[in-house]
């Protein structure tokens, strides 16, 4: 039987979305619910597997892993893009990499949960309610504020529409900003510098990778309003994490809402965990029942197609 590993099922919920018992006669499936300690640990535990079903941007499938997992034939990922897979290395080994569809709306929805949480000090007020305190902070309204978007693609566009519904002024910048999209959404195209200086809420919606790595550093934080907030639901390395800790610790900005980090899961001793003006969620932007239903069922569908020599949704 084909040996299949389901990786990084952090919440131990994969079997709630797909009936693995029905596949027991065809595949030997093992579920890994904990992150691997390191790459050596991953190599040791995955050495016998021929197929990996992976959740996007959790365990990196590196060149070293691909070259040393000699039995590996198939990699099936959630989503149709996964920067944590070395596709060139997979291609050299003739390993088929397939993906799944996904819903785009969960990440914009979480973005607004973070924006609203920051604007109305929900972290502090909720904690205080359990401690017996009443009305300890003063929030700010969104109407009339400037929402700055780094990226106006499929996710950024949805965030922009909601910002307009709140009565916010919306600006956007990216290296490949589409001016037609700006016009369609009534978004003001901007330079990066003007966006940084003027935004009351600065939200990141570009893809990861070298192009935008360290896009926000102390240089940018120094130019931001002291009353402004940073929101990142895209990729952790876009913001220099050490610089962000400094900016939050010194009140260079008012706060940050984060769903993504330099290292994930976020280490228990990471300084961000101890900052009162950091509103943190554990990379749950795409973690919804609707998305997981798509992910796990289409992973099995893709695996079956690979086994039958008719792969679907191949990522090249």
Protein backbone atom coordinates (compact mmCIF):
# COMPACT_ATOMS: atom_id res chain seq x y z
CA UNK A 1 0.00 0.00 0.00
CA UNK A 2 1.07 3.55 -0.70
CA UNK A 3 2.36 5.19 2.48
CA UNK A 4 0.83 8.66 2.94
CA UNK A 5 1.67 11.30 5.56
CA UNK A 6 -0.71 14.11 6.46
CA UNK A 7 1.47 16.84 7.94
CA UNK A 8 0.81 19.64 10.40
CA UNK A 9 -2.79 18.83 11.28
CA UNK A 10 -2.36 21.19 14.24
CA UNK A 11 -5.97 20.95 15.43
CA UNK A 12 -6.27 17.18 14.76
CA UNK A 13 -9.30 17.81 12.56
CA UNK A 14 -8.45 16.27 9.18
CA UNK A 15 -10.66 13.26 9.86
CA UNK A 16 -13.60 15.55 10.52
CA UNK A 17 -13.46 16.70 6.90
CA UNK A 18 -12.55 13.52 5.03
CA UNK A 19 -13.34 9.88 5.78
CA UNK A 20 -9.91 8.28 5.90
CA UNK A 21 -11.40 4.92 6.94
CA UNK A 22 -12.73 4.49 3.41
CA UNK A 23 -9.17 4.72 2.12
CA UNK A 24 -7.62 2.25 4.58
CA UNK A 25 -7.60 -0.55 2.00
CA UNK A 26 -5.66 1.54 -0.51
CA UNK A 27 -3.35 3.69 1.57
CA UNK A 28 -1.42 3.47 4.80
CA UNK A 29 -2.05 6.93 6.24
CA UNK A 30 -0.35 8.55 9.21
CA UNK A 31 -1.34 11.94 10.61
CA UNK A 32 1.26 14.26 12.13
CA UNK A 33 -0.38 16.84 14.39
CA UNK A 34 2.78 18.43 15.81
CA UNK A 35 5.40 20.45 13.96
CA UNK A 36 8.70 18.69 13.44
CA UNK A 37 11.47 19.75 15.81
CA UNK A 38 13.77 20.50 12.88
CA UNK A 39 14.57 19.27 9.38
CA UNK A 40 16.54 16.29 10.68
CA UNK A 41 13.47 15.23 12.65
CA UNK A 42 11.30 15.57 9.53
CA UNK A 43 13.76 13.50 7.49
CA UNK A 44 13.78 10.76 10.10
CA UNK A 45 10.00 10.56 10.50
CA UNK A 46 9.10 10.88 6.82
CA UNK A 47 11.72 8.58 5.30
CA UNK A 48 9.27 5.77 4.46
CA UNK A 49 6.50 7.87 2.94
CA UNK A 50 5.68 8.05 -0.76
CA UNK A 51 3.14 10.88 -0.57
CA UNK A 52 2.96 13.99 1.59
CA UNK A 53 -0.30 15.89 2.13
CA UNK A 54 0.79 19.25 3.47
CA UNK A 55 -0.83 22.42 4.75
CA UNK A 56 0.44 25.56 3.05
CA UNK A 57 3.37 27.33 4.73
CA UNK A 58 3.71 24.98 7.67
CA UNK A 59 6.47 22.40 7.20
CA UNK A 60 8.90 23.68 4.54
CA UNK A 61 9.50 21.05 1.85
CA UNK A 62 13.09 22.02 1.12
CA UNK A 63 15.61 20.85 -1.45
CA UNK A 64 17.33 18.83 1.27
CA UNK A 65 14.11 17.06 2.23
CA UNK A 66 13.20 16.33 -1.36
CA UNK A 67 16.64 14.97 -2.22
CA UNK A 68 16.79 12.71 0.83
CA UNK A 69 13.22 11.41 0.99
CA UNK A 70 14.10 8.80 -1.64
CA UNK A 71 10.69 7.11 -1.67
CA UNK A 72 8.74 10.33 -2.17
CA UNK A 73 6.59 10.44 -5.34
CA UNK A 74 3.81 12.95 -4.66
CA UNK A 75 3.41 16.22 -2.76
CA UNK A 76 -0.14 17.51 -2.36
CA UNK A 77 -0.53 20.97 -0.83
CA UNK A 78 -3.47 23.06 0.22
CA UNK A 79 -3.83 25.98 -2.18
CA UNK A 80 -2.47 26.39 -5.69
CA UNK A 81 0.70 28.17 -4.57
CA UNK A 82 3.10 27.23 -1.81
CA UNK A 83 6.41 29.09 -1.54
CA UNK A 84 7.67 26.62 1.07
CA UNK A 85 8.01 23.85 -1.56
CA UNK A 86 11.24 23.75 -3.59
CA UNK A 87 9.57 23.11 -6.95
CA UNK A 88 12.87 22.94 -8.85
CA UNK A 89 14.14 20.17 -6.60
CA UNK A 90 10.82 18.31 -6.95
CA UNK A 91 10.98 18.65 -10.73
CA UNK A 92 14.49 17.20 -10.84
CA UNK A 93 13.30 14.19 -8.86
CA UNK A 94 10.18 13.93 -11.04
CA UNK A 95 7.98 14.31 -7.98
CA UNK A 96 4.48 15.47 -8.87
CA UNK A 97 3.27 18.51 -6.92
CA UNK A 98 -0.48 19.16 -6.90
CA UNK A 99 -2.67 21.66 -5.10
CA UNK A 100 -6.23 22.47 -4.15
CA UNK A 101 -8.62 25.33 -4.60
CA UNK A 102 -9.30 27.67 -1.66
CA UNK A 103 -11.65 30.40 -0.56
CA UNK A 104 -10.15 33.89 -0.58
CA UNK A 105 -12.56 35.60 1.80
CA UNK A 106 -11.31 34.19 5.15
CA UNK A 107 -8.12 36.28 5.16
CA UNK A 108 -9.84 39.63 4.44
CA UNK A 109 -12.38 38.78 7.15
CA UNK A 110 -9.62 38.13 9.69
CA UNK A 111 -7.84 41.31 8.60
CA UNK A 112 -10.90 43.28 9.62
CA UNK A 113 -11.18 41.40 12.91
CA UNK A 114 -7.64 42.59 13.69
CA UNK A 115 -8.30 46.16 12.52
CA UNK A 116 -11.43 46.43 14.64
CA UNK A 117 -9.71 44.77 17.58
CA UNK A 118 -6.93 47.34 17.47
CA UNK A 119 -9.24 50.31 16.95
CA UNK A 120 -11.40 49.45 19.96
CA UNK A 121 -8.69 47.95 22.23
CA UNK A 122 -10.55 44.65 22.35
CA UNK A 123 -7.64 42.63 23.71
CA UNK A 124 -7.29 44.84 26.78
CA UNK A 125 -11.01 45.39 27.32
CA UNK A 126 -11.86 41.69 27.03
CA UNK A 127 -9.06 40.75 29.44
CA UNK A 128 -10.22 43.44 31.86
CA UNK A 129 -13.81 42.20 31.81
CA UNK A 130 -12.59 38.86 33.20
CA UNK A 131 -10.61 40.74 35.85
CA UNK A 132 -13.61 42.79 37.01
CA UNK A 133 -12.67 46.13 35.40
CA UNK A 134 -14.98 48.35 33.35
CA UNK A 135 -14.17 50.72 30.45
CA UNK A 136 -10.46 51.33 30.79
CA UNK A 137 -9.57 52.53 27.28
CA UNK A 138 -10.79 54.96 24.63
CA UNK A 139 -11.03 53.60 21.09
CA UNK A 140 -10.94 55.31 17.71
CA UNK A 141 -13.46 55.34 14.88
CA UNK A 142 -12.68 54.04 11.41
CA UNK A 143 -14.79 56.52 9.47
CA UNK A 144 -12.62 59.19 7.90
CA UNK A 145 -9.38 57.38 8.73
CA UNK A 146 -6.84 56.45 6.04
CA UNK A 147 -6.46 52.76 5.25
CA UNK A 148 -3.17 52.08 3.47
CA UNK A 149 -2.83 48.83 1.59
CA UNK A 150 0.45 47.29 0.54
CA UNK A 151 -0.94 45.18 -2.27
CA UNK A 152 -4.25 45.49 -4.09
CA UNK A 153 -4.61 42.00 -5.49
CA UNK A 154 -7.42 39.56 -4.80
CA UNK A 155 -7.16 39.83 -1.01
CA UNK A 156 -6.24 43.52 -0.87
CA UNK A 157 -9.17 44.39 -3.12
CA UNK A 158 -11.62 42.74 -0.73
CA UNK A 159 -10.08 44.59 2.21
CA UNK A 160 -10.39 47.86 0.24
CA UNK A 161 -14.09 47.34 -0.43
CA UNK A 162 -14.81 46.85 3.26
CA UNK A 163 -12.72 49.91 4.13
CA UNK A 164 -14.82 52.00 1.76
CA UNK A 165 -17.98 50.60 3.41
CA UNK A 166 -16.68 51.88 6.75
CA UNK A 167 -16.23 55.33 5.22
CA UNK A 168 -12.45 55.18 5.20
CA UNK A 169 -10.13 56.77 2.65
CA UNK A 170 -8.20 53.98 0.96
CA UNK A 171 -4.71 54.27 -0.53
CA UNK A 172 -2.59 51.52 -2.08
CA UNK A 173 0.96 50.81 -3.18
CA UNK A 174 2.81 47.84 -4.58
CA UNK A 175 5.58 47.32 -7.10
CA UNK A 176 3.05 46.21 -9.71
CA UNK A 177 -0.01 48.21 -8.68
CA UNK A 178 -2.88 47.95 -11.17
CA UNK A 179 -4.22 51.45 -11.79
CA UNK A 180 -7.41 50.09 -13.37
CA UNK A 181 -8.17 48.25 -10.12
CA UNK A 182 -7.52 51.45 -8.17
CA UNK A 183 -9.97 53.35 -10.35
CA UNK A 184 -12.59 50.61 -10.15
CA UNK A 185 -12.42 50.49 -6.33
CA UNK A 186 -11.97 54.26 -5.83
CA UNK A 187 -8.57 53.66 -4.24
CA UNK A 188 -5.89 56.33 -4.41
CA UNK A 189 -2.62 55.01 -5.92
CA UNK A 190 0.34 56.08 -3.83
CA UNK A 191 4.08 55.91 -3.49
CA UNK A 192 5.38 53.67 -0.73
CA UNK A 193 6.67 56.69 1.21
CA UNK A 194 3.36 58.56 1.11
CA UNK A 195 1.48 55.41 2.08
CA UNK A 196 3.74 54.88 5.10
CA UNK A 197 3.48 58.51 6.23
CA UNK A 198 -0.28 58.97 5.84
CA UNK A 199 -1.90 55.68 6.81
CA UNK A 200 -3.79 55.34 10.07
CA UNK A 201 -4.08 51.60 9.44
CA UNK A 202 -1.41 50.00 7.25
CA UNK A 203 -2.37 46.51 6.06
CA UNK A 204 -0.14 44.13 4.10
CA UNK A 205 -1.51 42.01 1.24
CA UNK A 206 1.41 41.10 -1.02
CA UNK A 207 2.91 37.68 -1.55
CA UNK A 208 5.98 36.54 0.30
CA UNK A 209 9.39 35.98 -1.25
CA UNK A 210 12.49 38.07 -1.74
CA UNK A 211 10.72 40.97 -3.48
CA UNK A 212 8.95 42.17 -0.34
CA UNK A 213 11.20 40.71 2.36
CA UNK A 214 11.90 43.40 4.99
CA UNK A 215 9.55 45.77 3.20
CA UNK A 216 8.78 47.31 6.62
CA UNK A 217 11.77 48.09 8.85
CA UNK A 218 12.69 50.75 11.42
CA UNK A 219 13.10 53.18 8.53
CA UNK A 220 9.39 52.82 7.72
CA UNK A 221 8.27 52.72 11.35
CA UNK A 222 10.05 56.03 11.95
CA UNK A 223 7.94 57.62 9.22
CA UNK A 224 4.59 56.24 10.40
CA UNK A 225 2.22 58.19 12.60
CA UNK A 226 2.59 57.39 16.29
CA UNK A 227 -1.17 56.79 16.31
CA UNK A 228 -1.04 54.32 13.42
CA UNK A 229 -1.49 50.56 13.40
CA UNK A 230 0.20 47.86 11.32
CA UNK A 231 -1.71 44.75 10.23
CA UNK A 232 -0.03 41.75 8.64
CA UNK A 233 -2.06 38.73 7.48
CA UNK A 234 0.23 38.01 4.53
CA UNK A 235 3.71 36.67 5.36
CA UNK A 236 5.88 37.25 8.42
CA UNK A 237 9.21 38.14 6.74
CA UNK A 238 7.62 41.12 4.93
CA UNK A 239 8.01 42.94 8.25
CA UNK A 240 11.36 42.88 10.03
CA UNK A 241 10.28 41.30 13.30
CA UNK A 242 13.10 42.68 15.46
CA UNK A 243 12.35 46.19 14.21
CA UNK A 244 8.65 45.69 14.87
CA UNK A 245 9.37 44.73 18.47
CA UNK A 246 11.38 47.93 18.88
CA UNK A 247 8.65 50.05 17.28
CA UNK A 248 5.97 48.58 19.54
CA UNK A 249 8.12 48.69 22.68
CA UNK A 250 8.95 52.36 22.18
CA UNK A 251 5.44 53.31 21.03
CA UNK A 252 6.80 54.41 17.66
CA UNK A 253 3.43 53.12 16.40
CA UNK A 254 0.25 52.56 18.40
CA UNK A 255 -0.04 48.83 17.79
CA UNK A 256 0.08 45.86 15.45
CA UNK A 257 -2.32 43.09 14.50
CA UNK A 258 -0.44 40.01 13.34
CA UNK A 259 -1.43 36.62 12.00
CA UNK A 260 1.93 35.69 10.46
CA UNK A 261 5.47 35.54 11.82
CA UNK A 262 9.12 35.07 10.91
CA UNK A 263 9.06 31.63 12.51
CA UNK A 264 5.91 29.55 12.87
CA UNK A 265 4.59 28.33 15.22
CA UNK A 266 5.65 31.45 17.10
CA UNK A 267 8.13 30.42 19.84
CA UNK A 268 6.77 30.68 23.37
CA UNK A 269 9.47 33.13 24.39
CA UNK A 270 9.07 35.42 21.37
CA UNK A 271 8.98 39.06 22.53
CA UNK A 272 5.83 39.80 20.55
CA UNK A 273 3.87 37.62 22.98
CA UNK A 274 4.63 40.02 25.83
CA UNK A 275 3.76 43.35 24.21
CA UNK A 276 0.42 44.87 25.29
CA UNK A 277 -0.04 46.70 21.97
CA UNK A 278 0.38 43.54 19.85
CA UNK A 279 -2.82 41.72 18.89
CA UNK A 280 -1.75 38.22 17.84
CA UNK A 281 -3.50 35.31 16.15
CA UNK A 282 -1.79 31.99 15.22
CA UNK A 283 -1.86 32.14 11.38
CA UNK A 284 -5.56 31.39 11.14
CA UNK A 285 -6.22 33.57 8.08
CA UNK A 286 -7.18 30.54 5.98
CA UNK A 287 -8.25 28.28 8.85
CA UNK A 288 -12.01 27.91 8.42
CA UNK A 289 -14.28 24.87 8.21
CA UNK A 290 -15.20 25.83 4.66
CA UNK A 291 -11.56 26.02 3.56
CA UNK A 292 -10.54 22.85 5.36
CA UNK A 293 -13.39 20.99 3.71
CA UNK A 294 -12.01 22.05 0.33
CA UNK A 295 -8.39 21.38 1.29
CA UNK A 296 -8.65 17.89 2.69
CA UNK A 297 -11.17 16.54 0.18
CA UNK A 298 -9.29 17.95 -2.80
CA UNK A 299 -5.99 16.67 -1.39
CA UNK A 300 -7.41 13.14 -1.46
CA UNK A 301 -8.86 13.77 -4.91
CA UNK A 302 -5.44 14.96 -6.14
CA UNK A 303 -3.69 11.98 -4.53
CA UNK A 304 -6.07 9.56 -6.25
CA UNK A 305 -5.47 11.28 -9.59
CA UNK A 306 -1.70 11.01 -9.13
CA UNK A 307 -1.90 7.32 -8.29
CA UNK A 308 -4.02 6.80 -11.43
CA UNK A 309 -1.38 8.57 -13.56
CA UNK A 310 -3.73 11.45 -14.33
CA UNK A 311 -2.61 14.25 -11.97
CA UNK A 312 -4.81 17.31 -11.57
CA UNK A 313 -4.09 20.89 -10.43
CA UNK A 314 -0.36 20.34 -11.00
CA UNK A 315 1.86 23.13 -9.65
CA UNK A 316 4.86 23.81 -11.88
